[in-house]
C-alpha atoms as a PDB file:
ATOM      1  CA  ASP A   1     -29.904 -81.984  -4.535  1.00  0.00           C
ATOM      2  CA  ALA A   2     -27.821 -83.708  -1.890  1.00  0.00           C
ATOM      3  CA  PRO A   3     -24.845 -85.761  -3.106  1.00  0.00           C
ATOM      4  CA  PRO A   4     -25.535 -89.491  -3.654  1.00  0.00           C
ATOM      5  CA  LEU A   5     -25.171 -91.876  -0.736  1.00  0.00           C
ATOM      6  CA  PRO A   6     -21.867 -93.771  -0.870  1.00  0.00           C
ATOM      7  CA  PRO A   7     -21.811 -97.532  -0.225  1.00  0.00           C
ATOM      8  CA  PRO A   8     -21.186 -98.739   3.353  1.00  0.00           C
ATOM      9  CA  THR A   9     -17.600 -98.907   4.569  1.00  0.00           C
ATOM     10  CA  GLU A  10     -15.961-100.356   7.669  1.00  0.00           C
ATOM     11  CA  VAL A  11     -14.068 -99.222  10.753  1.00  0.00           C
ATOM     12  CA  VAL A  12     -10.404-100.230  10.299  1.00  0.00           C
ATOM     13  CA  SER A  13      -8.904 -98.796  13.494  1.00  0.00           C
ATOM     14  CA  MET A  14      -9.720 -96.731  16.576  1.00  0.00           C
ATOM     15  CA  ARG A  15      -7.635 -94.548  18.852  1.00  0.00           C
ATOM     16  CA  ILE A  16      -8.148 -92.916  22.206  1.00  0.00           C
ATOM     17  CA  TYR A  17      -6.005 -90.136  23.641  1.00  0.00           C
ATOM     18  CA  PRO A  18      -6.524 -90.295  27.411  1.00  0.00           C
ATOM     19  CA  VAL A  19      -4.340 -87.224  28.048  1.00  0.00           C
ATOM     20  CA  LYS A  20      -4.986 -84.315  25.697  1.00  0.00           C
ATOM     21  CA  SER A  21      -2.101 -83.681  23.249  1.00  0.00           C
ATOM     22  CA  CYS A  22      -0.175 -86.773  24.411  1.00  0.00           C
ATOM     23  CA  ARG A  23       0.330 -90.131  22.656  1.00  0.00           C
ATOM     24  CA  GLY A  24      -2.775 -92.161  22.006  1.00  0.00           C
ATOM     25  CA  ILE A  25      -3.664 -95.820  22.349  1.00  0.00           C
ATOM     26  CA  VAL A  26      -4.954 -98.117  19.599  1.00  0.00           C
ATOM     27  CA  VAL A  27      -8.062 -99.976  20.775  1.00  0.00           C
ATOM     28  CA  ASP A  28      -9.825-102.905  19.149  1.00  0.00           C
ATOM     29  CA  ASN A  29     -13.146-102.440  20.879  1.00  0.00           C
ATOM     30  CA  THR A  30     -14.585 -99.900  23.279  1.00  0.00           C
ATOM     31  CA  ARG A  31     -17.778 -98.036  24.130  1.00  0.00           C
ATOM     32  CA  LEU A  32     -18.842 -94.874  22.363  1.00  0.00           C
ATOM     33  CA  ARG A  33     -20.508 -92.503  24.812  1.00  0.00           C
ATOM     34  CA  LYS A  34     -22.162 -89.139  24.251  1.00  0.00           C
ATOM     35  CA  THR A  35     -18.894 -87.629  25.504  1.00  0.00           C
ATOM     36  CA  GLY A  36     -16.793 -89.633  23.020  1.00  0.00           C
ATOM     37  CA  LEU A  37     -14.910 -92.920  23.125  1.00  0.00           C
ATOM     38  CA  THR A  38     -14.361 -94.251  26.636  1.00  0.00           C
ATOM     39  CA  LEU A  39     -11.309 -92.584  28.292  1.00  0.00           C
ATOM     40  CA  ASP A  40     -10.712 -90.211  25.370  1.00  0.00           C
ATOM     41  CA  ARG A  41      -9.262 -86.888  26.546  1.00  0.00           C
ATOM     42  CA  ASN A  42     -10.450 -87.260  30.139  1.00  0.00           C
ATOM     43  CA  TRP A  43      -7.144 -85.756  31.363  1.00  0.00           C
ATOM     44  CA  MET A  44      -4.934 -82.861  30.326  1.00  0.00           C
ATOM     45  CA  PHE A  45      -1.953 -80.889  31.556  1.00  0.00           C
ATOM     46  CA  ILE A  46      -2.124 -77.281  32.699  1.00  0.00           C
ATOM     47  CA  ASP A  47       0.619 -74.713  33.129  1.00  0.00           C
ATOM     48  CA  LYS A  48       0.241 -73.767  36.780  1.00  0.00           C
ATOM     49  CA  SER A  49       1.461 -70.212  36.147  1.00  0.00           C
ATOM     50  CA  ASP A  50      -1.747 -69.272  34.317  1.00  0.00           C
ATOM     51  CA  ARG A  51      -3.979 -72.357  34.862  1.00  0.00           C
ATOM     52  CA  LYS A  52      -4.325 -72.744  31.071  1.00  0.00           C
ATOM     53  CA  PHE A  53      -4.296 -76.054  29.215  1.00  0.00           C
ATOM     54  CA  MET A  54      -1.126 -77.228  27.539  1.00  0.00           C
ATOM     55  CA  THR A  55      -1.199 -78.197  23.883  1.00  0.00           C
ATOM     56  CA  ILE A  56       1.013 -79.831  21.321  1.00  0.00           C
ATOM     57  CA  ARG A  57       0.487 -76.692  19.219  1.00  0.00           C
ATOM     58  CA  THR A  58       2.905 -74.760  21.415  1.00  0.00           C
ATOM     59  CA  ASP A  59       4.913 -77.631  22.936  1.00  0.00           C
ATOM     60  CA  SER A  60       5.541 -80.491  20.527  1.00  0.00           C
ATOM     61  CA  SER A  61       7.352 -82.487  23.256  1.00  0.00           C
ATOM     62  CA  MET A  62       3.906 -83.450  24.592  1.00  0.00           C
ATOM     63  CA  THR A  63       3.856 -86.199  21.997  1.00  0.00           C
ATOM     64  CA  LEU A  64       6.691 -87.876  23.913  1.00  0.00           C
ATOM     65  CA  VAL A  65       4.338 -88.486  26.843  1.00  0.00           C
ATOM     66  CA  ASP A  66       3.045 -92.044  26.351  1.00  0.00           C
ATOM     67  CA  THR A  67      -0.172 -93.524  27.721  1.00  0.00           C
ATOM     68  CA  ALA A  68      -1.295 -97.120  28.304  1.00  0.00           C
ATOM     69  CA  ILE A  69      -4.206 -98.848  30.004  1.00  0.00           C
ATOM     70  CA  ILE A  70      -2.927-101.639  32.262  1.00  0.00           C
ATOM     71  CA  ASP A  71      -4.405-104.089  34.739  1.00  0.00           C
ATOM     72  CA  GLY A  72      -3.526-103.252  38.312  1.00  0.00           C
ATOM     73  CA  LYS A  73      -4.954-103.190  41.817  1.00  0.00           C
ATOM     74  CA  GLY A  74      -6.747-100.484  43.730  1.00  0.00           C
ATOM     75  CA  ASP A  75      -6.105 -99.411  47.317  1.00  0.00           C
ATOM     76  CA  ASP A  76      -8.492-102.160  48.415  1.00  0.00           C
ATOM     77  CA  GLY A  77      -6.461-104.830  46.622  1.00  0.00           C
ATOM     78  CA  LYS A  78      -9.184-105.511  44.071  1.00  0.00           C
ATOM     79  CA  PRO A  79      -8.410-105.622  40.318  1.00  0.00           C
ATOM     80  CA  GLN A  80      -8.548-102.163  38.763  1.00  0.00           C
ATOM     81  CA  GLN A  81      -7.768-100.790  35.307  1.00  0.00           C
ATOM     82  CA  GLN A  82      -5.122 -98.114  35.524  1.00  0.00           C
ATOM     83  CA  LEU A  83      -3.753 -95.384  33.305  1.00  0.00           C
ATOM     84  CA  GLU A  84       0.011 -95.507  33.024  1.00  0.00           C
ATOM     85  CA  ILE A  85       1.633 -92.269  31.873  1.00  0.00           C
ATOM     86  CA  SER A  86       5.310 -92.454  30.937  1.00  0.00           C
ATOM     87  CA  ILE A  87       8.004 -90.409  29.228  1.00  0.00           C
ATOM     88  CA  HIS A  88       9.031 -91.927  25.893  1.00  0.00           C
ATOM     89  CA  GLY A  89      12.437 -93.593  25.980  1.00  0.00           C
ATOM     90  CA  THR A  90      12.822 -93.366  29.764  1.00  0.00           C
ATOM     91  CA  ASP A  91      11.808 -95.384  32.819  1.00  0.00           C
ATOM     92  CA  ALA A  92       9.818 -92.461  34.238  1.00  0.00           C
ATOM     93  CA  ARG A  93       6.154 -93.356  34.768  1.00  0.00           C
ATOM     94  CA  VAL A  94       3.183 -92.832  37.064  1.00  0.00           C
ATOM     95  CA  THR A  95       0.045 -94.930  37.432  1.00  0.00           C
ATOM     96  CA  ILE A  96      -3.420 -93.680  38.427  1.00  0.00           C
ATOM     97  CA  PRO A  97      -6.901 -95.253  38.317  1.00  0.00           C
ATOM     98  CA  ALA A  98      -8.341 -95.183  34.806  1.00  0.00           C
ATOM     99  CA  PHE A  99     -11.855 -94.869  36.228  1.00  0.00           C
ATOM    100  CA  PRO A 100     -11.340 -92.881  39.435  1.00  0.00           C
ATOM    101  CA  THR A 101     -14.165 -93.083  41.967  1.00  0.00           C
ATOM    102  CA  LYS A 102     -15.599 -90.041  43.682  1.00  0.00           C
ATOM    103  CA  ASP A 103     -13.970 -91.267  46.883  1.00  0.00           C
ATOM    104  CA  TYR A 104     -10.538 -91.554  45.214  1.00  0.00           C
ATOM    105  CA  LEU A 105     -10.824 -88.060  43.724  1.00  0.00           C
ATOM    106  CA  GLU A 106     -11.859 -86.525  47.054  1.00  0.00           C
ATOM    107  CA  LYS A 107      -8.911 -88.148  48.836  1.00  0.00           C
ATOM    108  CA  ASN A 108      -6.197 -87.688  46.208  1.00  0.00           C
ATOM    109  CA  THR A 109      -7.004 -84.598  44.130  1.00  0.00           C
ATOM    110  CA  THR A 110      -8.169 -81.007  44.538  1.00  0.00           C
ATOM    111  CA  LEU A 111     -11.175 -79.670  42.621  1.00  0.00           C
ATOM    112  CA  SER A 112     -10.007 -76.478  40.939  1.00  0.00           C
ATOM    113  CA  THR A 113     -10.668 -74.157  38.020  1.00  0.00           C
ATOM    114  CA  VAL A 114      -8.717 -74.415  34.766  1.00  0.00           C
ATOM    115  CA  GLU A 115      -8.902 -72.685  31.400  1.00  0.00           C
ATOM    116  CA  ILE A 116      -9.249 -74.339  28.006  1.00  0.00           C
ATOM    117  CA  TRP A 117      -9.791 -72.306  24.842  1.00  0.00           C
ATOM    118  CA  GLU A 118     -10.473 -69.122  26.799  1.00  0.00           C
ATOM    119  CA  ALA A 119     -13.254 -70.757  28.823  1.00  0.00           C
ATOM    120  CA  GLU A 120     -13.099 -71.870  32.426  1.00  0.00           C
ATOM    121  CA  THR A 121     -14.125 -75.343  33.556  1.00  0.00           C
ATOM    122  CA  ASP A 122     -13.601 -77.403  36.676  1.00  0.00           C
ATOM    123  CA  ALA A 123     -11.015 -80.153  36.997  1.00  0.00           C
ATOM    124  CA  TYR A 124      -9.534 -82.435  39.632  1.00  0.00           C
ATOM    125  CA  GLU A 125      -5.867 -81.531  40.077  1.00  0.00           C
ATOM    126  CA  TYR A 126      -3.391 -84.266  41.009  1.00  0.00           C
ATOM    127  CA  PRO A 127      -0.814 -83.691  43.779  1.00  0.00           C
ATOM    128  CA  ALA A 128       2.898 -82.864  43.552  1.00  0.00           C
ATOM    129  CA  SER A 129       3.802 -86.526  44.007  1.00  0.00           C
ATOM    130  CA  ILE A 130       2.205 -87.258  40.615  1.00  0.00           C
ATOM    131  CA  ASN A 131       3.248 -84.023  38.920  1.00  0.00           C
ATOM    132  CA  LYS A 132       6.949 -83.943  39.797  1.00  0.00           C
ATOM    133  CA  MET A 133       7.916 -86.204  36.899  1.00  0.00           C
ATOM    134  CA  PHE A 134       6.076 -83.966  34.435  1.00  0.00           C
ATOM    135  CA  CYS A 135       7.447 -80.734  35.912  1.00  0.00           C
ATOM    136  CA  ASP A 136      10.936 -82.144  35.391  1.00  0.00           C
ATOM    137  CA  PHE A 137      10.152 -83.184  31.820  1.00  0.00           C
ATOM    138  CA  PHE A 138       8.498 -79.916  30.747  1.00  0.00           C
ATOM    139  CA  ASN A 139      10.940 -77.872  32.836  1.00  0.00           C
ATOM    140  CA  LYS A 140       8.173 -75.782  34.404  1.00  0.00           C
ATOM    141  CA  ASP A 141       5.438 -76.041  37.008  1.00  0.00           C
ATOM    142  CA  VAL A 142       2.645 -78.142  35.480  1.00  0.00           C
ATOM    143  CA  ALA A 143      -0.197 -80.257  36.791  1.00  0.00           C
ATOM    144  CA  LEU A 144      -2.179 -83.214  35.514  1.00  0.00           C
ATOM    145  CA  VAL A 145      -5.937 -82.674  35.798  1.00  0.00           C
ATOM    146  CA  TYR A 146      -9.035 -84.851  35.328  1.00  0.00           C
ATOM    147  CA  LYS A 147     -12.308 -83.421  34.025  1.00  0.00           C
ATOM    148  CA  GLY A 148     -14.529 -82.176  36.832  1.00  0.00           C
ATOM    149  CA  PRO A 149     -18.261 -82.794  37.300  1.00  0.00           C
ATOM    150  CA  THR A 150     -19.547 -79.665  35.537  1.00  0.00           C
ATOM    151  CA  ALA A 151     -20.480 -80.247  31.903  1.00  0.00           C
ATOM    152  CA  ARG A 152     -18.256 -78.701  29.252  1.00  0.00           C
ATOM    153  CA  ASN A 153     -20.387 -78.354  26.150  1.00  0.00           C
ATOM    154  CA  SER A 154     -19.345 -78.677  22.514  1.00  0.00           C
ATOM    155  CA  GLY A 155     -18.146 -75.612  20.643  1.00  0.00           C
ATOM    156  CA  THR A 156     -18.457 -74.135  17.129  1.00  0.00           C
ATOM    157  CA  ASN A 157     -21.147 -76.028  15.153  1.00  0.00           C
ATOM    158  CA  GLY A 158     -21.876 -78.130  18.234  1.00  0.00           C
ATOM    159  CA  ARG A 159     -22.963 -75.126  20.311  1.00  0.00           C
ATOM    160  CA  GLU A 160     -26.451 -75.456  21.735  1.00  0.00           C
ATOM    161  CA  GLU A 161     -27.853 -72.511  19.762  1.00  0.00           C
ATOM    162  CA  LEU A 162     -26.623 -74.021  16.473  1.00  0.00           C
ATOM    163  CA  TYR A 163     -27.001 -77.758  17.091  1.00  0.00           C
ATOM    164  CA  GLY A 164     -30.258 -77.507  19.035  1.00  0.00           C
ATOM    165  CA  ALA A 165     -29.097 -79.295  22.188  1.00  0.00           C
ATOM    166  CA  ALA A 166     -26.311 -79.014  24.740  1.00  0.00           C
ATOM    167  CA  VAL A 167     -23.720 -81.716  24.046  1.00  0.00           C
ATOM    168  CA  PRO A 168     -21.203 -82.393  26.847  1.00  0.00           C
ATOM    169  CA  HIS A 169     -17.683 -83.612  26.203  1.00  0.00           C
ATOM    170  CA  HIS A 170     -14.424 -83.719  28.117  1.00  0.00           C
ATOM    171  CA  PHE A 171     -11.175 -82.036  26.999  1.00  0.00           C
ATOM    172  CA  ALA A 172     -11.433 -82.474  23.207  1.00  0.00           C
ATOM    173  CA  ASP A 173     -11.123 -79.107  21.458  1.00  0.00           C
ATOM    174  CA  VAL A 174     -14.681 -78.593  20.267  1.00  0.00           C
ATOM    175  CA  MET A 175     -16.495 -81.908  19.796  1.00  0.00           C
ATOM    176  CA  SER A 176     -16.338 -85.392  21.225  1.00  0.00           C
ATOM    177  CA  LEU A 177     -15.465 -87.461  18.151  1.00  0.00           C
ATOM    178  CA  GLN A 178     -13.347 -87.168  15.009  1.00  0.00           C
ATOM    179  CA  ILE A 179     -13.743 -89.680  12.182  1.00  0.00           C
ATOM    180  CA  ALA A 180     -11.194 -89.874   9.363  1.00  0.00           C
ATOM    181  CA  SER A 181     -10.907 -91.848   6.131  1.00  0.00           C
ATOM    182  CA  GLU A 182      -7.993 -94.122   5.268  1.00  0.00           C
ATOM    183  CA  ALA A 183      -8.668 -93.499   1.564  1.00  0.00           C
ATOM    184  CA  SER A 184      -8.315 -89.743   2.037  1.00  0.00           C
ATOM    185  CA  PHE A 185      -5.115 -90.175   4.016  1.00  0.00           C
ATOM    186  CA  LYS A 186      -3.730 -92.384   1.225  1.00  0.00           C
ATOM    187  CA  ASP A 187      -4.524 -89.623  -1.247  1.00  0.00           C
ATOM    188  CA  LEU A 188      -2.615 -87.090   0.846  1.00  0.00           C
ATOM    189  CA  ASN A 189       0.348 -89.462   1.287  1.00  0.00           C
ATOM    190  CA  ARG A 190       0.456 -90.085  -2.466  1.00  0.00           C
ATOM    191  CA  ARG A 191       0.578 -86.351  -3.182  1.00  0.00           C
ATOM    192  CA  LEU A 192       3.328 -85.865  -0.605  1.00  0.00           C
ATOM    193  CA  ARG A 193       5.445 -88.716  -2.025  1.00  0.00           C
ATOM    194  CA  GLU A 194       5.100 -87.317  -5.546  1.00  0.00           C
ATOM    195  CA  LYS A 195       6.455 -84.031  -4.242  1.00  0.00           C
ATOM    196  CA  ASP A 196       9.235 -85.577  -2.142  1.00  0.00           C
ATOM    197  CA  PRO A 197       9.799 -89.355  -1.764  1.00  0.00           C
ATOM    198  CA  SER A 198      11.211 -88.802   1.747  1.00  0.00           C
ATOM    199  CA  LEU A 199       7.750 -87.733   2.931  1.00  0.00           C
ATOM    200  CA  GLY A 200       6.285 -91.225   2.506  1.00  0.00           C
ATOM    201  CA  GLY A 201       5.403 -93.553   5.317  1.00  0.00           C
ATOM    202  CA  TRP A 202       3.659 -91.111   7.624  1.00  0.00           C
ATOM    203  CA  THR A 203       0.809 -92.423   9.735  1.00  0.00           C
ATOM    204  CA  ILE A 204      -2.668 -91.065  10.290  1.00  0.00           C
ATOM    205  CA  GLU A 205      -1.822 -90.644  13.981  1.00  0.00           C
ATOM    206  CA  ARG A 206      -0.528 -87.178  13.098  1.00  0.00           C
ATOM    207  CA  PHE A 207      -4.170 -86.104  12.696  1.00  0.00           C
ATOM    208  CA  ARG A 208      -5.259 -87.637  16.031  1.00  0.00           C
ATOM    209  CA  PRO A 209      -8.594 -89.111  14.835  1.00  0.00           C
ATOM    210  CA  ASN A 210     -10.702 -91.422  16.998  1.00  0.00           C
ATOM    211  CA  ILE A 211     -12.259 -93.664  14.348  1.00  0.00           C
ATOM    212  CA  ILE A 212     -10.653 -94.457  10.994  1.00  0.00           C
ATOM    213  CA  VAL A 213     -12.812 -95.965   8.262  1.00  0.00           C
ATOM    214  CA  ARG A 214     -11.622 -97.618   5.072  1.00  0.00           C
ATOM    215  CA  GLY A 215     -13.375 -95.399   2.537  1.00  0.00           C
ATOM    216  CA  ARG A 216     -12.984 -95.858  -1.217  1.00  0.00           C
ATOM    217  CA  ASP A 217      -9.568 -95.300  -2.785  1.00  0.00           C
ATOM    218  CA  ASP A 218     -11.183 -94.024  -5.978  1.00  0.00           C
ATOM    219  CA  HIS A 219     -13.439 -91.645  -4.008  1.00  0.00           C
ATOM    220  CA  PRO A 220     -11.206 -89.959  -1.410  1.00  0.00           C
ATOM    221  CA  TRP A 221     -12.725 -87.141   0.639  1.00  0.00           C
ATOM    222  CA  GLU A 222     -16.302 -88.299   0.121  1.00  0.00           C
ATOM    223  CA  GLU A 223     -16.681 -87.970   3.906  1.00  0.00           C
ATOM    224  CA  ASP A 224     -16.936 -84.217   3.224  1.00  0.00           C
ATOM    225  CA  THR A 225     -20.565 -84.816   2.283  1.00  0.00           C
ATOM    226  CA  TRP A 226     -21.650 -86.967   5.234  1.00  0.00           C
ATOM    227  CA  LYS A 227     -24.474 -85.542   7.322  1.00  0.00           C
ATOM    228  CA  ARG A 228     -25.850 -88.525   9.249  1.00  0.00           C
ATOM    229  CA  ILE A 229     -24.136 -91.883   9.685  1.00  0.00           C
ATOM    230  CA  ARG A 230     -24.746 -95.158  11.501  1.00  0.00           C
ATOM    231  CA  ILE A 231     -22.065 -97.449  12.923  1.00  0.00           C
ATOM    232  CA  MET A 232     -23.281-101.017  13.402  1.00  0.00           C
ATOM    233  CA  THR A 233     -21.311-103.477  15.525  1.00  0.00           C
ATOM    234  CA  THR A 234     -22.280-107.153  15.771  1.00  0.00           C
ATOM    235  CA  LEU A 235     -21.102-108.968  18.895  1.00  0.00           C
ATOM    236  CA  PRO A 236     -21.965-112.683  18.554  1.00  0.00           C
ATOM    237  CA  ASP A 237     -20.714-113.431  22.094  1.00  0.00           C
ATOM    238  CA  GLU A 238     -23.439-111.185  23.465  1.00  0.00           C
ATOM    239  CA  SER A 239     -26.009-112.022  20.777  1.00  0.00           C
ATOM    240  CA  ALA A 240     -26.130-108.258  20.348  1.00  0.00           C
ATOM    241  CA  ILE A 241     -26.075-105.702  17.566  1.00  0.00           C
ATOM    242  CA  TYR A 242     -25.204-102.127  18.529  1.00  0.00           C
ATOM    243  CA  LYS A 243     -26.455 -99.385  16.217  1.00  0.00           C
ATOM    244  CA  ILE A 244     -25.010 -95.961  16.954  1.00  0.00           C
ATOM    245  CA  ASP A 245     -26.311 -92.983  15.001  1.00  0.00           C
ATOM    246  CA  LEU A 246     -24.141 -89.884  14.684  1.00  0.00           C
ATOM    247  CA  ASP A 247     -24.658 -86.397  13.344  1.00  0.00           C
ATOM    248  CA  VAL A 248     -21.704 -85.294  11.249  1.00  0.00           C
ATOM    249  CA  VAL A 249     -21.651 -81.675  12.307  1.00  0.00           C
ATOM    250  CA  ALA A 250     -18.602 -80.172  10.602  1.00  0.00           C
ATOM    251  CA  ARG A 251     -15.368 -80.748   8.773  1.00  0.00           C
ATOM    252  CA  CYS A 252     -12.299 -80.626  10.999  1.00  0.00           C
ATOM    253  CA  ALA A 253     -10.291 -77.484  10.193  1.00  0.00           C
ATOM    254  CA  ARG A 254      -6.644 -78.207  10.838  1.00  0.00           C
ATOM    255  CA  CYS A 255      -3.833 -76.387  12.612  1.00  0.00           C
ATOM    256  CA  GLN A 256      -0.179 -77.396  12.164  1.00  0.00           C
ATOM    257  CA  VAL A 257      -0.185 -80.237  14.729  1.00  0.00           C
ATOM    258  CA  PRO A 258      -0.023 -82.841  11.881  1.00  0.00           C
ATOM    259  CA  ASN A 259       3.394 -81.385  10.981  1.00  0.00           C
ATOM    260  CA  VAL A 260       4.719 -82.870  14.251  1.00  0.00           C
ATOM    261  CA  ASN A 261       6.264 -86.346  14.046  1.00  0.00           C
ATOM    262  CA  PRO A 262       4.635 -88.164  17.000  1.00  0.00           C
ATOM    263  CA  ASP A 263       7.675 -90.447  17.420  1.00  0.00           C
ATOM    264  CA  THR A 264      10.280 -87.697  17.713  1.00  0.00           C
ATOM    265  CA  ALA A 265       8.325 -84.470  18.472  1.00  0.00           C
ATOM    266  CA  GLN A 266      10.166 -82.865  15.549  1.00  0.00           C
ATOM    267  CA  LYS A 267       7.997 -80.459  13.548  1.00  0.00           C
ATOM    268  CA  HIS A 268       8.353 -80.435   9.768  1.00  0.00           C
ATOM    269  CA  PRO A 269       8.653 -76.815   8.588  1.00  0.00           C
ATOM    270  CA  LYS A 270       6.119 -77.216   5.775  1.00  0.00           C
ATOM    271  CA  GLN A 271       4.333 -80.543   5.439  1.00  0.00           C
ATOM    272  CA  PRO A 272       1.640 -81.754   5.372  1.00  0.00           C
ATOM    273  CA  TRP A 273       0.258 -78.251   6.011  1.00  0.00           C
ATOM    274  CA  ASP A 274       1.468 -76.739   2.722  1.00  0.00           C
ATOM    275  CA  GLU A 275       0.116 -79.588   0.611  1.00  0.00           C
ATOM    276  CA  LEU A 276      -3.236 -79.574   2.407  1.00  0.00           C
ATOM    277  CA  MET A 277      -3.514 -75.814   1.928  1.00  0.00           C
ATOM    278  CA  LYS A 278      -3.228 -76.341  -1.824  1.00  0.00           C
ATOM    279  CA  TYR A 279      -6.272 -78.554  -2.194  1.00  0.00           C
ATOM    280  CA  ARG A 280      -8.117 -78.956   1.095  1.00  0.00           C
ATOM    281  CA  ARG A 281      -9.344 -75.413   1.708  1.00  0.00           C
ATOM    282  CA  VAL A 282     -12.830 -76.622   0.921  1.00  0.00           C
ATOM    283  CA  ASP A 283     -15.013 -74.994   3.585  1.00  0.00           C
ATOM    284  CA  GLU A 284     -16.343 -71.426   3.334  1.00  0.00           C
ATOM    285  CA  GLY A 285     -17.248 -71.229   7.034  1.00  0.00           C
ATOM    286  CA  GLY A 286     -15.749 -68.611   9.316  1.00  0.00           C
ATOM    287  CA  VAL A 287     -13.548 -71.050  11.226  1.00  0.00           C
ATOM    288  CA  ALA A 288     -12.338 -73.076   8.241  1.00  0.00           C
ATOM    289  CA  LYS A 289     -12.164 -70.554   5.403  1.00  0.00           C
ATOM    290  CA  TYR A 290      -8.404 -70.083   5.615  1.00  0.00           C
ATOM    291  CA  LYS A 291      -7.528 -73.544   6.922  1.00  0.00           C
ATOM    292  CA  PRO A 292      -7.298 -76.974   5.305  1.00  0.00           C
ATOM    293  CA  CYS A 293      -9.743 -79.683   6.369  1.00  0.00           C
ATOM    294  CA  PHE A 294      -9.113 -83.309   7.249  1.00  0.00           C
ATOM    295  CA  GLY A 295     -11.571 -85.542   9.087  1.00  0.00           C
ATOM    296  CA  MET A 296     -15.135 -84.967  10.251  1.00  0.00           C
ATOM    297  CA  LEU A 297     -16.394 -83.845  13.665  1.00  0.00           C
ATOM    298  CA  CYS A 298     -19.328 -85.879  14.937  1.00  0.00           C
ATOM    299  CA  ILE A 299     -21.850 -85.942  17.774  1.00  0.00           C
ATOM    300  CA  PRO A 300     -23.181 -89.368  18.873  1.00  0.00           C
ATOM    301  CA  LYS A 301     -26.973 -89.529  19.187  1.00  0.00           C
ATOM    302  CA  ASN A 302     -26.884 -92.636  21.379  1.00  0.00           C
ATOM    303  CA  GLU A 303     -24.336 -94.861  23.088  1.00  0.00           C
ATOM    304  CA  GLY A 304     -23.114 -98.396  22.530  1.00  0.00           C
ATOM    305  CA  LYS A 305     -20.202-100.735  21.993  1.00  0.00           C
ATOM    306  CA  ILE A 306     -18.059-100.423  18.907  1.00  0.00           C
ATOM    307  CA  LYS A 307     -15.237-102.539  17.514  1.00  0.00           C
ATOM    308  CA  VAL A 308     -12.877-102.663  14.564  1.00  0.00           C
ATOM    309  CA  GLY A 309     -14.699-104.253  11.629  1.00  0.00           C
ATOM    310  CA  ALA A 310     -17.982-102.490  12.396  1.00  0.00           C
ATOM    311  CA  SER A 311     -19.847-101.213   9.369  1.00  0.00           C
ATOM    312  CA  LEU A 312     -20.424 -97.533   8.737  1.00  0.00           C
ATOM    313  CA  GLU A 313     -23.463 -96.568   6.698  1.00  0.00           C
ATOM    314  CA  VAL A 314     -24.134 -93.057   5.439  1.00  0.00           C
ATOM    315  CA  LEU A 315     -27.806 -92.220   6.032  1.00  0.00           C
ATOM    316  CA  GLU A 316     -27.838 -88.657   4.704  1.00  0.00           C
ATOM    317  CA  THR A 317     -25.480 -86.378   2.776  1.00  0.00           C
ATOM    318  CA  THR A 318     -25.160 -82.638   2.295  1.00  0.00           C
ATOM    319  CA  ASP A 319     -23.126 -80.160   0.271  1.00  0.00           C
ATOM    320  CA  LYS A 320     -23.792 -77.369   2.755  1.00  0.00           C
ATOM    321  CA  HIS A 321     -21.265 -78.007   5.557  1.00  0.00           C
ATOM    322  CA  LEU A 322     -19.909 -74.698   6.897  1.00  0.00           C
ATOM    323  CA  TYR A 323     -17.545 -74.716   9.851  1.00  0.00           C
END
């Protein structure tokens, strides 16, 4: 029998990470698309020597690259939302359109081929005038790129032959959305503090989730059993209720990125990886068998607006997740 359905919970915060592996932005309300939250991981950096994506896994200094969405003006003088990318603790920054038009991309970028997770995809590459600041910071020849027009489909459990449909996303690793539980994070923090009081006070940002729900403090990790969920957002100003259904496709098997302090780029030699390995190796799947799990990878079935305070209802559970 499937595990019992937990009571509804609520969305307590949301984060987008416009540039893969760089600092994210807390958002109060946004739109959830089939490809993920609006502006999430639409850009990434590549090492121009091999055209491969750059990741915090091998260069923790990426977390010192800050992002912000600001109000600005386009070339035509009209109001335009812009993405500001800056280097933490310095005055270095560049600004580009947050929603670049086809015309802007044709005039200001070059459509090229890049590699992410051993697969090629197309991307619009920004010019040297944009990249110089980042080349100086990373001390090598790098380029900022924006996802090209060709679909990049979900990996692992989200692959078409396993999921039953092709699911496009941008530059997220394998799927377009990660949901995490505040209750589960509290449980991890408690265990870490019991081991070493100096480990307290960490934030969930280390795990780079998109949507954080409250959960139940006396039932941490119950998200392990979610199979289908619904997020319902009521917007009185629009006299609208948005119901977004999601398939919870897999647990998120973790690497050691959460060991990196996002404020300093310093990597802890052991934690939280060691603690998670003790009690969160909970998935017998081929990807996750020897890794700890935190958070759930999801595929939206439809699109709609979402805001902090929205309710999350579990529609179906399972004890058969294998990543």
